[in-house]
Amino acid sequence: MECAGNIRISRGCNKLGMTLIEVMFAITLFAFGMLSINLMYMQGFRMFDASRNITQVSQILQNQMESLRSVSLSSIQAQVGTTVYSASDLSLPNIHAKTGAPFGWESFALTQNITTISTDYYDVTLTANWVNRYSIPGQVIFTTQIAKGGLNEYFTRTQP
């Protein structure tokens, strides 16, 4: 077992390089690490997109809820029941000509349900359903009550 300078002649001498197996193992570990980082970034972008969609829909529902709160109680009485609105009915921006949905989604619908709880007291539920550009459905529901003179007046007036 002789070693000539820095050249390996047998297994007993110091190694100066890596074997092919070690190089392949290192490349495989590197590839798995890069794949994991890539999957993590993709999941982050999906979560960002889902968050953006929920924020946009929440703003649409809040706008619709505020428009209901700004009308007279007789107008609310006239709307008792279920009404379905499309994106064009709500004058939403960026409506796609082919799908009729905003923001690049495949579909969008807002359902407004107003029920009478008692005289001059109504329950309002707004439900938005959409399918995003990746064919993933979403739903957000807002619920409130509307009463003559506001809820504080209604509850203080009805207490014994």
Protein backbone atom coordinates (compact mmCIF):
# COMPACT_ATOMS: atom_id res chain seq x y z
CA MET A 1 0.00 0.00 0.00
CA GLU A 2 2.07 2.85 -1.31
CA CYS A 3 1.02 6.39 -2.01
CA ALA A 4 2.85 8.38 -4.65
CA GLY A 5 2.58 12.07 -3.79
CA ASN A 6 -1.06 13.18 -3.91
CA ILE A 7 -2.24 10.34 -6.09
CA ARG A 8 -4.27 7.62 -4.46
CA ILE A 9 -3.00 4.17 -5.27
CA SER A 10 -4.98 2.14 -2.77
CA ARG A 11 -7.77 2.57 -0.23
CA GLY A 12 -5.42 3.15 2.63
CA CYS A 13 -4.20 6.52 1.34
CA ASN A 14 -5.89 9.93 1.96
CA LYS A 15 -8.80 10.72 -0.38
CA LEU A 16 -8.48 13.86 -2.46
CA GLY A 17 -11.85 13.74 -4.22
CA MET A 18 -15.38 12.37 -4.00
CA THR A 19 -16.70 9.18 -5.46
CA LEU A 20 -19.49 9.21 -8.01
CA ILE A 21 -21.95 7.87 -5.39
CA GLU A 22 -21.19 10.78 -3.05
CA VAL A 23 -21.68 13.32 -5.85
CA MET A 24 -25.01 11.73 -6.87
CA PHE A 25 -26.17 11.71 -3.24
CA ALA A 26 -25.29 15.40 -2.83
CA ILE A 27 -27.13 16.31 -6.06
CA THR A 28 -30.19 14.34 -4.92
CA LEU A 29 -30.24 16.13 -1.55
CA PHE A 30 -29.88 19.48 -3.29
CA ALA A 31 -32.74 18.64 -5.70
CA PHE A 32 -35.06 17.64 -2.84
CA GLY A 33 -34.20 20.85 -1.00
CA MET A 34 -34.94 23.00 -4.06
CA LEU A 35 -38.19 21.11 -4.70
CA SER A 36 -39.29 21.73 -1.10
CA ILE A 37 -38.53 25.44 -1.38
CA ASN A 38 -40.43 25.61 -4.69
CA LEU A 39 -43.49 23.88 -3.19
CA MET A 40 -43.37 26.25 -0.22
CA TYR A 41 -43.38 29.27 -2.55
CA MET A 42 -46.27 27.85 -4.59
CA GLN A 43 -48.33 27.28 -1.43
CA GLY A 44 -47.56 30.82 -0.30
CA PHE A 45 -48.82 32.24 -3.60
CA ARG A 46 -52.01 30.17 -3.34
CA MET A 47 -52.63 31.47 0.17
CA PHE A 48 -52.00 35.03 -1.01
CA ASP A 49 -54.50 34.56 -3.86
CA ALA A 50 -57.12 33.07 -1.50
CA SER A 51 -56.64 35.95 0.94
CA ARG A 52 -56.99 38.51 -1.85
CA ASN A 53 -60.21 36.84 -3.07
CA ILE A 54 -61.74 36.86 0.42
CA THR A 55 -60.79 40.52 0.87
CA GLN A 56 -62.35 41.50 -2.46
CA VAL A 57 -65.56 39.59 -1.72
CA SER A 58 -65.74 41.04 1.80
CA GLN A 59 -65.53 44.54 0.33
CA ILE A 60 -68.34 43.71 -2.12
CA LEU A 61 -70.53 42.34 0.70
CA GLN A 62 -69.75 45.31 2.96
CA ASN A 63 -70.72 47.70 0.17
CA GLN A 64 -74.00 45.85 -0.39
CA MET A 65 -74.69 45.77 3.36
CA GLU A 66 -74.07 49.52 3.66
CA SER A 67 -76.39 50.22 0.74
CA LEU A 68 -79.12 48.20 2.53
CA ARG A 69 -78.55 50.13 5.76
CA SER A 70 -78.86 53.46 3.92
CA VAL A 71 -82.34 52.80 2.46
CA SER A 72 -85.64 53.31 4.25
CA LEU A 73 -87.30 50.54 6.23
CA SER A 74 -90.15 50.41 3.69
CA SER A 75 -87.56 49.60 1.02
CA ILE A 76 -86.24 46.75 3.18
CA GLN A 77 -89.83 45.50 3.61
CA ALA A 78 -90.21 45.47 -0.16
CA GLN A 79 -87.07 43.33 -0.53
CA VAL A 80 -88.12 40.56 1.89
CA GLY A 81 -87.23 37.23 0.30
CA THR A 82 -84.26 35.95 -1.66
CA THR A 83 -82.60 37.87 -4.48
CA VAL A 84 -79.61 36.69 -6.52
CA TYR A 85 -77.29 39.29 -8.02
CA SER A 86 -74.65 38.83 -10.69
CA ALA A 87 -71.45 40.87 -10.94
CA SER A 88 -72.99 43.14 -13.57
CA ASP A 89 -76.03 43.80 -11.33
CA LEU A 90 -73.65 45.12 -8.66
CA SER A 91 -71.58 47.20 -11.12
CA LEU A 92 -68.36 45.47 -10.10
CA PRO A 93 -65.09 46.43 -11.81
CA ASN A 94 -63.07 44.21 -14.14
CA ILE A 95 -65.97 42.03 -15.28
CA HIS A 96 -64.77 39.46 -17.81
CA ALA A 97 -66.83 39.56 -21.01
CA LYS A 98 -66.90 35.76 -21.43
CA THR A 99 -67.56 34.59 -17.85
CA GLY A 100 -69.41 37.65 -16.53
CA ALA A 101 -67.38 37.40 -13.32
CA PRO A 102 -64.99 39.98 -11.85
CA PHE A 103 -61.27 39.68 -11.12
CA GLY A 104 -60.60 36.83 -13.56
CA TRP A 105 -62.87 34.41 -11.69
CA GLU A 106 -64.88 31.72 -13.46
CA SER A 107 -68.16 32.63 -11.75
CA PHE A 108 -69.61 34.93 -9.09
CA ALA A 109 -73.05 35.28 -7.49
CA LEU A 110 -74.32 37.21 -4.49
CA THR A 111 -77.47 35.98 -2.75
CA GLN A 112 -79.39 38.41 -0.54
CA ASN A 113 -81.91 36.89 1.86
CA ILE A 114 -84.08 39.19 3.99
CA THR A 115 -86.47 37.62 6.49
CA THR A 116 -88.91 39.27 8.87
CA ILE A 117 -88.17 38.47 12.51
CA SER A 118 -90.97 40.64 13.89
CA THR A 119 -92.65 43.92 13.05
CA ASP A 120 -90.01 46.40 11.87
CA TYR A 121 -87.17 43.92 12.62
CA TYR A 122 -85.40 42.07 9.79
CA ASP A 123 -82.58 39.58 9.44
CA VAL A 124 -80.33 40.17 6.42
CA THR A 125 -77.94 37.52 5.09
CA LEU A 126 -75.60 38.16 2.18
CA THR A 127 -73.85 35.13 0.71
CA ALA A 128 -71.19 35.43 -1.98
CA ASN A 129 -70.19 32.33 -3.93
CA TRP A 130 -67.44 32.33 -6.51
CA VAL A 131 -65.09 30.03 -8.38
CA ASN A 132 -61.61 31.46 -8.83
CA ARG A 133 -59.35 31.15 -11.86
CA TYR A 134 -58.01 27.80 -10.58
CA SER A 135 -61.55 26.31 -10.33
CA ILE A 136 -61.49 26.48 -6.52
CA PRO A 137 -64.86 27.53 -5.04
CA GLY A 138 -65.16 30.07 -2.24
CA GLN A 139 -67.92 31.43 -0.04
CA VAL A 140 -68.28 34.36 2.37
CA ILE A 141 -71.42 35.07 4.43
CA PHE A 142 -72.36 38.35 6.14
CA THR A 143 -75.36 38.52 8.49
CA THR A 144 -76.94 41.49 10.24
CA GLN A 145 -80.25 42.69 11.61
CA ILE A 146 -82.03 45.88 10.63
CA ALA A 147 -84.71 47.45 12.83
CA LYS A 148 -86.81 50.58 12.83
CA GLY A 149 -84.82 53.31 14.55
CA GLY A 150 -81.73 51.07 14.76
CA LEU A 151 -81.08 47.99 16.86
CA ASN A 152 -80.42 49.91 20.09
CA GLU A 153 -83.81 51.57 19.92
CA TYR A 154 -85.50 48.29 19.07
CA PHE A 155 -83.98 46.38 22.01
CA THR A 156 -84.43 49.13 24.60
CA ARG A 157 -88.03 49.68 23.47
CA THR A 158 -88.97 45.99 23.76
CA GLN A 159 -87.53 45.42 27.22
CA PRO A 160 -90.14 45.18 30.03
